[in-house]
Protein backbone atom coordinates (compact mmCIF):
# COMPACT_ATOMS: atom_id res chain seq x y z
CA MET A 1 0.00 0.00 0.00
CA VAL A 2 1.23 3.46 -0.97
CA CYS A 3 -0.19 6.68 0.46
CA TRP A 4 0.56 10.03 -1.06
CA LYS A 5 -0.54 13.66 -0.86
CA GLY A 6 -2.08 14.88 -4.09
CA GLU A 7 -2.25 18.55 -4.95
CA ASP A 8 -5.66 18.88 -3.29
CA SER A 9 -4.62 17.13 -0.08
CA GLN A 10 -4.36 19.00 3.18
CA SER A 11 -0.83 19.45 4.50
CA TYR A 12 -0.10 19.03 8.19
CA GLY A 13 2.70 19.91 10.59
CA HIS A 14 4.25 23.21 9.50
CA GLY A 15 1.71 23.80 6.74
CA PRO A 16 2.30 23.54 3.00
CA ALA A 17 5.84 22.56 2.19
CA ALA A 18 7.92 25.45 0.90
CA PRO A 19 11.01 25.52 -1.28
CA SER A 20 14.24 25.35 0.69
CA GLN A 21 15.70 28.65 1.81
CA HIS A 22 18.92 27.25 0.38
CA ALA A 23 17.53 26.69 -3.10
CA ALA A 24 19.59 26.90 -6.25
CA PRO A 25 20.46 30.38 -7.50
CA GLY A 26 17.58 31.75 -9.52
CA ALA A 27 15.01 29.38 -8.01
CA THR A 28 11.69 30.96 -7.09
CA ALA A 29 9.19 30.18 -4.38
CA SER A 30 6.42 29.57 -6.90
CA ALA A 31 6.39 26.56 -9.16
CA THR A 32 7.49 27.41 -12.69
CA LEU A 33 7.37 23.90 -14.07
CA SER A 34 4.30 21.91 -15.03
CA ALA A 35 3.51 18.73 -13.16
CA ALA A 36 5.24 15.58 -14.32
CA PRO A 37 3.05 13.12 -16.22
CA ALA A 38 1.23 10.64 -14.01
CA LYS A 39 2.82 7.71 -15.85
CA GLY A 40 6.40 7.35 -17.01
CA THR A 41 8.73 4.75 -18.41
CA ALA A 42 11.99 3.11 -17.40
CA LYS A 43 14.07 0.74 -19.48
CA VAL A 44 17.47 -0.82 -18.80
CA THR A 45 19.61 0.00 -21.82
CA ALA A 46 23.01 -1.31 -20.69
CA THR A 47 24.89 -3.10 -17.94
CA VAL A 48 27.68 -0.67 -17.16
CA ALA A 49 29.66 -2.86 -14.75
CA THR A 50 29.45 -6.20 -12.95
CA GLY A 51 31.19 -8.00 -10.10
CA ILE A 52 31.26 -5.12 -7.60
CA ALA A 53 31.18 -6.24 -3.96
CA GLN A 54 28.67 -4.44 -1.72
CA PRO A 55 28.37 -1.23 -3.76
CA TRP A 56 26.97 1.67 -1.71
CA GLY A 57 28.00 5.24 -2.51
CA VAL A 58 28.51 6.39 -6.10
CA ALA A 59 30.14 9.65 -7.21
CA GLN A 60 30.07 10.72 -10.85
CA LEU A 61 33.17 12.56 -12.04
CA PRO A 62 33.17 15.33 -14.67
CA ASP A 63 34.46 12.97 -17.37
CA GLY A 64 31.51 10.61 -16.85
CA THR A 65 33.40 7.91 -14.97
CA LEU A 66 32.15 6.74 -11.58
CA LEU A 67 33.70 6.15 -8.20
CA VAL A 68 31.92 3.33 -6.37
CA ALA A 69 32.33 2.49 -2.66
CA SER A 70 32.41 -1.13 -1.49
CA ARG A 71 30.85 -1.02 1.97
CA ASP A 72 32.50 -3.95 3.72
CA SER A 73 36.08 -3.63 2.48
CA GLY A 74 36.37 0.16 2.35
CA ARG A 75 37.59 -0.06 -1.25
CA ILE A 76 36.80 2.58 -3.86
CA SER A 77 36.76 1.54 -7.53
CA LEU A 78 36.72 3.52 -10.75
CA VAL A 79 33.99 2.42 -13.15
CA ASP A 80 34.35 3.42 -16.80
CA PRO A 81 30.86 3.19 -18.37
CA ALA A 82 32.28 3.31 -21.88
CA LYS A 83 34.74 0.46 -21.34
CA HIS A 84 32.67 -1.46 -18.74
CA THR A 85 35.74 -1.76 -16.53
CA VAL A 86 36.06 -1.75 -12.73
CA THR A 87 39.48 -0.67 -11.41
CA PRO A 88 40.28 -0.34 -7.68
CA ILE A 89 41.87 3.03 -6.91
CA GLY A 90 42.44 2.61 -3.17
CA THR A 91 41.04 1.69 0.22
CA VAL A 92 39.88 4.13 2.88
CA PRO A 93 41.84 3.37 6.07
CA GLY A 94 40.00 2.77 9.33
CA VAL A 95 36.71 1.55 7.85
CA SER A 96 34.92 -0.82 10.22
CA HIS A 97 32.22 -3.30 9.22
CA THR A 98 30.63 -6.06 11.29
CA GLN A 99 29.14 -8.97 9.37
CA GLY A 100 25.37 -8.68 9.28
CA GLY A 101 25.46 -4.98 10.08
CA GLU A 102 25.01 -1.79 8.07
CA ALA A 103 28.24 0.02 8.91
CA GLY A 104 31.23 0.51 6.63
CA LEU A 105 32.20 2.71 3.69
CA LEU A 106 28.93 4.37 2.75
CA GLY A 107 28.34 7.59 0.84
CA LEU A 108 30.66 9.22 -1.69
CA ALA A 109 30.58 12.70 -3.22
CA ALA A 110 32.88 14.53 -5.60
CA SER A 111 33.90 18.06 -4.70
CA PRO A 112 31.95 20.74 -6.63
CA HIS A 113 35.41 21.95 -7.70
CA PHE A 114 36.75 18.51 -8.56
CA GLY A 115 38.26 19.76 -11.81
CA SER A 116 40.70 21.89 -9.82
CA ASP A 117 40.98 20.27 -6.37
CA HIS A 118 40.51 16.56 -7.26
CA LEU A 119 38.88 15.87 -3.89
CA ILE A 120 36.37 13.16 -3.10
CA TYR A 121 34.38 12.97 0.12
CA ALA A 122 33.46 9.77 1.95
CA TYR A 123 31.12 8.97 4.86
CA PHE A 124 32.29 5.89 6.73
CA THR A 125 32.17 3.99 10.00
CA THR A 126 35.18 3.47 12.23
CA GLU A 127 35.37 1.46 15.44
CA SER A 128 34.30 4.54 17.41
CA ASP A 129 32.13 6.74 15.19
CA ASN A 130 30.83 7.66 11.78
CA ARG A 131 32.81 10.41 10.10
CA ILE A 132 33.27 12.33 6.90
CA ALA A 133 36.68 12.72 5.29
CA ARG A 134 38.00 14.06 2.02
CA MET A 135 40.81 12.54 -0.02
CA LEU A 136 42.84 13.56 -3.00
CA TYR A 137 42.27 11.34 -6.03
CA ASP A 138 45.40 11.21 -8.21
CA PRO A 139 44.93 8.93 -11.25
CA THR A 140 48.61 9.35 -12.21
CA ARG A 141 49.68 7.21 -9.25
CA ALA A 142 49.90 3.42 -9.38
CA LYS A 143 46.60 1.51 -9.64
CA GLY A 144 45.20 0.72 -6.22
CA ASP A 145 47.22 3.53 -4.63
CA GLN A 146 45.53 6.61 -6.05
CA LEU A 147 43.89 7.93 -2.87
CA GLY A 148 45.61 10.42 -0.61
CA ALA A 149 45.45 10.26 3.17
CA PRO A 150 41.99 11.08 4.59
CA ASP A 151 41.49 14.60 5.89
CA THR A 152 38.66 14.23 8.41
CA ILE A 153 36.26 17.19 8.26
CA LEU A 154 33.68 15.80 10.69
CA ARG A 155 33.98 13.11 13.35
CA GLY A 156 31.78 12.03 16.23
CA ILE A 157 28.62 11.07 14.36
CA PRO A 158 27.20 8.23 16.52
CA MET A 159 27.63 4.76 15.03
CA GLY A 160 25.93 1.43 15.54
CA LEU A 161 25.45 -2.00 14.04
CA ILE A 162 22.40 -0.59 12.24
CA HIS A 163 20.99 2.78 11.15
CA ASN A 164 24.20 4.62 10.27
CA GLY A 165 22.64 6.73 7.52
CA GLY A 166 25.56 7.52 5.23
CA ARG A 167 24.32 9.39 2.18
CA ILE A 168 26.25 12.59 1.40
CA ALA A 169 25.73 15.05 -1.42
CA PHE A 170 26.65 18.59 -2.34
CA GLY A 171 23.64 20.83 -2.75
CA PRO A 172 23.09 23.57 -5.34
CA ASP A 173 24.26 26.02 -2.66
CA GLY A 174 27.73 24.40 -2.58
CA MET A 175 27.20 23.04 0.93
CA LEU A 176 27.70 19.38 1.88
CA TYR A 177 24.64 17.56 3.24
CA ALA A 178 24.72 14.28 5.15
CA GLY A 179 21.93 11.95 6.21
CA THR A 180 22.52 10.17 9.51
CA GLY A 181 20.71 7.39 11.38
CA GLU A 182 19.78 7.08 15.03
CA THR A 183 21.89 3.89 15.37
CA GLY A 184 18.96 2.02 16.94
CA GLN A 185 18.86 4.48 19.87
CA ARG A 186 15.54 6.13 19.12
CA GLY A 187 15.90 9.07 21.47
CA LEU A 188 18.88 10.44 19.58
CA ALA A 189 16.64 11.49 16.69
CA GLN A 190 14.95 14.12 18.89
CA ASP A 191 18.13 15.07 20.78
CA VAL A 192 19.18 18.39 19.26
CA GLY A 193 22.62 17.95 20.82
CA SER A 194 23.28 14.73 18.89
CA LEU A 195 24.28 14.38 15.23
CA ALA A 196 22.35 11.09 14.98
CA GLY A 197 18.94 10.87 13.30
CA LYS A 198 19.46 14.13 11.45
CA ILE A 199 20.21 15.75 8.14
CA LEU A 200 23.39 17.79 8.53
CA ARG A 201 24.52 20.77 6.46
CA MET A 202 28.11 21.95 6.44
CA THR A 203 30.71 23.84 4.44
CA PRO A 204 33.18 21.77 2.39
CA ASP A 205 35.51 22.12 5.39
CA GLY A 206 32.94 20.61 7.78
CA GLN A 207 31.93 23.85 9.51
CA PRO A 208 28.38 25.07 10.27
CA PRO A 209 27.26 27.62 7.65
CA LYS A 210 26.15 30.93 9.11
CA ASP A 211 22.63 30.51 7.69
CA ASN A 212 21.92 27.10 9.24
CA PRO A 213 18.66 26.91 11.24
CA VAL A 214 20.53 26.99 14.58
CA PRO A 215 23.64 29.21 14.65
CA GLY A 216 26.79 27.19 15.24
CA SER A 217 25.05 23.84 14.66
CA LEU A 218 25.39 21.44 11.74
CA VAL A 219 21.83 20.18 12.26
CA TYR A 220 19.54 21.03 9.35
CA SER A 221 16.55 18.84 10.26
CA THR A 222 15.69 16.45 13.07
CA GLY A 223 13.47 13.48 13.89
CA HIS A 224 14.85 11.03 11.34
CA ARG A 225 15.17 7.28 11.82
CA ASN A 226 17.64 6.47 9.04
CA VAL A 227 18.07 8.84 6.09
CA GLN A 228 19.28 6.96 3.02
CA GLY A 229 18.76 9.26 0.05
CA LEU A 230 19.21 12.97 -0.75
CA ALA A 231 18.29 14.80 -3.96
CA TRP A 232 17.31 18.29 -5.12
CA ASP A 233 14.61 19.01 -7.66
CA ALA A 234 14.85 21.57 -10.46
CA GLN A 235 13.88 24.39 -8.11
CA GLY A 236 16.39 23.53 -5.41
CA ARG A 237 14.06 21.77 -2.96
CA LEU A 238 15.70 19.03 -0.93
CA TRP A 239 14.06 15.59 -0.82
CA ALA A 240 15.08 12.70 1.43
CA SER A 241 14.16 9.03 1.66
CA GLU A 242 13.94 7.33 5.01
CA PHE A 243 13.57 3.84 6.46
CA GLY A 244 10.53 3.29 8.64
CA GLN A 245 10.36 0.58 11.26
CA ASP A 246 7.44 -1.80 10.92
CA ARG A 247 4.86 0.28 9.07
CA TRP A 248 5.86 3.22 6.90
CA ASP A 249 8.86 4.16 4.78
CA GLU A 250 8.94 7.79 3.75
CA LEU A 251 9.80 10.33 1.08
CA ASN A 252 10.14 13.71 2.77
CA LEU A 253 10.42 17.26 1.51
CA ILE A 254 13.00 18.79 3.81
CA LYS A 255 12.37 22.16 5.45
CA PRO A 256 15.28 23.86 7.27
CA GLY A 257 14.81 23.34 10.98
CA GLY A 258 11.96 20.89 10.43
CA ASN A 259 11.20 17.97 12.75
CA TYR A 260 10.11 14.80 10.95
CA GLY A 261 8.76 13.04 14.00
CA TRP A 262 10.73 9.88 14.72
CA PRO A 263 10.30 8.13 17.15
CA VAL A 264 7.11 9.95 18.20
CA VAL A 265 5.40 9.35 14.86
CA GLU A 266 6.02 7.17 11.82
CA GLY A 267 4.54 8.01 8.43
CA ILE A 268 1.64 10.41 7.89
CA ALA A 269 0.39 11.22 11.39
CA HIS A 270 -1.34 14.63 11.09
CA ARG A 271 0.32 15.65 14.34
CA ALA A 272 1.82 19.09 14.74
CA PRO A 273 4.58 20.18 14.95
CA TYR A 274 5.94 17.13 13.09
CA ILE A 275 6.18 17.30 9.30
CA ASP A 276 4.43 14.52 7.42
CA PRO A 277 6.06 12.69 4.49
CA VAL A 278 4.86 13.51 0.99
CA VAL A 279 4.62 9.79 0.21
CA GLN A 280 4.68 6.71 2.43
CA TRP A 281 5.04 3.02 1.63
CA HIS A 282 4.59 -0.17 3.58
CA THR A 283 8.08 -1.39 4.42
CA ASP A 284 7.78 -4.56 2.30
CA GLU A 285 7.28 -2.38 -0.77
CA ALA A 286 10.24 -0.10 -0.24
CA SER A 287 12.91 0.02 2.46
CA PRO A 288 14.23 2.94 0.44
CA SER A 289 17.83 3.82 -0.19
CA GLY A 290 19.18 6.27 -2.77
CA ILE A 291 17.10 8.80 -4.68
CA ALA A 292 17.69 10.99 -7.71
CA TYR A 293 15.73 13.68 -9.54
CA ALA A 294 15.24 13.38 -13.30
CA GLY A 295 12.53 14.37 -15.75
CA GLY A 296 10.30 16.00 -13.16
CA SER A 297 10.22 12.95 -10.89
CA ILE A 298 12.02 11.55 -7.87
CA TRP A 299 13.39 8.07 -8.58
CA MET A 300 13.84 5.94 -5.46
CA ALA A 301 15.70 2.64 -5.14
CA ALA A 302 14.10 0.04 -2.85
CA LEU A 303 16.05 -2.64 -1.00
CA HIS A 304 13.52 -5.02 0.56
CA GLY A 305 10.94 -3.89 -1.99
CA GLN A 306 13.30 -4.83 -4.85
CA ARG A 307 11.97 -2.22 -7.25
CA LEU A 308 12.56 1.30 -8.53
CA TRP A 309 9.88 3.83 -7.65
CA ARG A 310 9.00 6.86 -9.77
CA ILE A 311 7.32 9.69 -7.86
CA PRO A 312 6.07 12.37 -10.29
CA LEU A 313 6.17 15.84 -8.78
CA ASP A 314 3.96 18.89 -9.01
CA GLY A 315 6.06 21.47 -7.20
CA PRO A 316 6.34 20.39 -3.54
CA ARG A 317 3.71 17.64 -3.92
CA ALA A 318 3.31 14.30 -5.60
CA ALA A 319 1.44 14.75 -8.88
CA ALA A 320 0.13 11.17 -8.96
CA PRO A 321 0.58 7.87 -7.13
CA PRO A 322 4.11 6.40 -7.30
CA GLN A 323 4.86 3.96 -10.10
CA ALA A 324 7.03 0.85 -9.65
CA PHE A 325 9.52 -0.61 -12.13
CA PHE A 326 11.66 -3.79 -12.21
CA THR A 327 9.82 -5.41 -9.29
CA ASN A 328 11.81 -8.50 -8.22
CA THR A 329 13.80 -8.37 -11.46
CA TYR A 330 17.26 -7.24 -10.29
CA GLY A 331 16.93 -7.86 -6.56
CA ARG A 332 17.80 -5.24 -3.98
CA LEU A 333 18.43 -1.76 -5.38
CA ARG A 334 20.70 0.69 -3.55
CA THR A 335 21.82 3.87 -5.34
CA VAL A 336 20.41 6.02 -8.15
CA VAL A 337 22.41 8.65 -10.02
CA ALA A 338 20.89 11.07 -12.53
CA VAL A 339 23.15 11.52 -15.56
CA ASP A 340 20.67 13.81 -17.30
CA ALA A 341 16.89 14.31 -17.48
CA HIS A 342 16.36 10.95 -19.18
CA THR A 343 19.31 8.81 -18.08
CA LEU A 344 19.88 7.14 -14.72
CA LEU A 345 22.50 4.83 -13.27
CA LEU A 346 21.23 2.25 -10.79
CA THR A 347 23.19 -0.12 -8.54
CA THR A 348 22.03 -3.45 -7.19
CA SER A 349 22.75 -4.51 -3.61
CA ASN A 350 22.55 -8.30 -3.54
CA THR A 351 25.98 -9.02 -2.04
CA ASP A 352 25.30 -7.00 1.12
CA GLY A 353 24.45 -10.07 3.21
CA ARG A 354 20.71 -9.59 2.91
CA GLY A 355 20.18 -10.41 -0.73
CA SER A 356 20.40 -13.41 -3.01
CA PRO A 357 23.23 -12.69 -5.46
CA HIS A 358 22.78 -13.54 -9.12
CA PRO A 359 25.70 -14.27 -11.48
CA GLY A 360 27.45 -10.97 -12.15
CA ASP A 361 26.22 -9.24 -9.00
CA ASP A 362 26.53 -6.61 -7.95
CA ARG A 363 26.15 -4.46 -11.01
CA VAL A 364 25.62 -0.93 -12.28
CA LEU A 365 22.75 -0.56 -14.74
CA GLN A 366 22.06 2.26 -17.18
CA LEU A 367 18.43 3.30 -17.63
CA THR A 368 16.51 5.48 -20.03
CA VAL A 369 13.53 7.07 -18.25
CA SER A 370 10.69 9.45 -18.85
């Protein structure tokens, strides 16, 4: 069962969702784009790469190649979509993973100035915390030894066997955003003094921007159980996917300073001051991970649900019920990357200890969508 808020639905919590105050330059508060069509299409057009162990984070470089993180080993590999090759470039030191758990090398992001600084950012678990570090990527060095020493920009994010969050992405404002989990300790999501169960916003150096909701704090939004996906639409609004517990997984429109309710509420609760999700799914249909924006829709990868969801948007609302693709075809799906308005890259996640690997898993697929 999927529940969504159509354009005539009443909005609860803080009222109608508004564009982010940190929207892309030139974005306006009023919608300037027409609603996405209720129905779309998605077709796999190529298998870009195969044989990748536990792929999690993916960063696209300016030349179209990809950096892919292997969660358990801490290895980063270069994927060349044109040549269909997978080449290890290095291993992030200090990565900790416990078999059966969700910790390890998680999100990746390329610097907005990668062409000049050659920096990549990684969110990963150590034996004591989750942290974010940046590393120089030098392709002129020997294969397997092309990563510089990590420069940690943020440490002390609580870690656990489960619910480590891990998605990082640079927004249209040039700031780095990170989704964290509450590590199984529910109260941390509502603890404004904790970095767990939050969306964080920071400068590329890991410092709180002056226009964050709370001066001197990295916390951008609170009340999250386990944020797994971050994406901005064409008008600079931030969307986030989130694991529920037993009932409802969520797609949220993120408002600076907003409280999204966990553990007090789960899913659409109509309970102020908590902000309701725009769409909710039963957990067996989703268990969402990465999201991307393309062609007027949010595209959301589902792990337990083993499908790709398309959520057509009409400004800050869903224009129509979500549409599922590839149900039970490729297994667990982890990360989605938008190449352009009609092209996505999608990773499977069948070697993560919770899936049933097929020959060639895990893989990166190329999709044409509308």
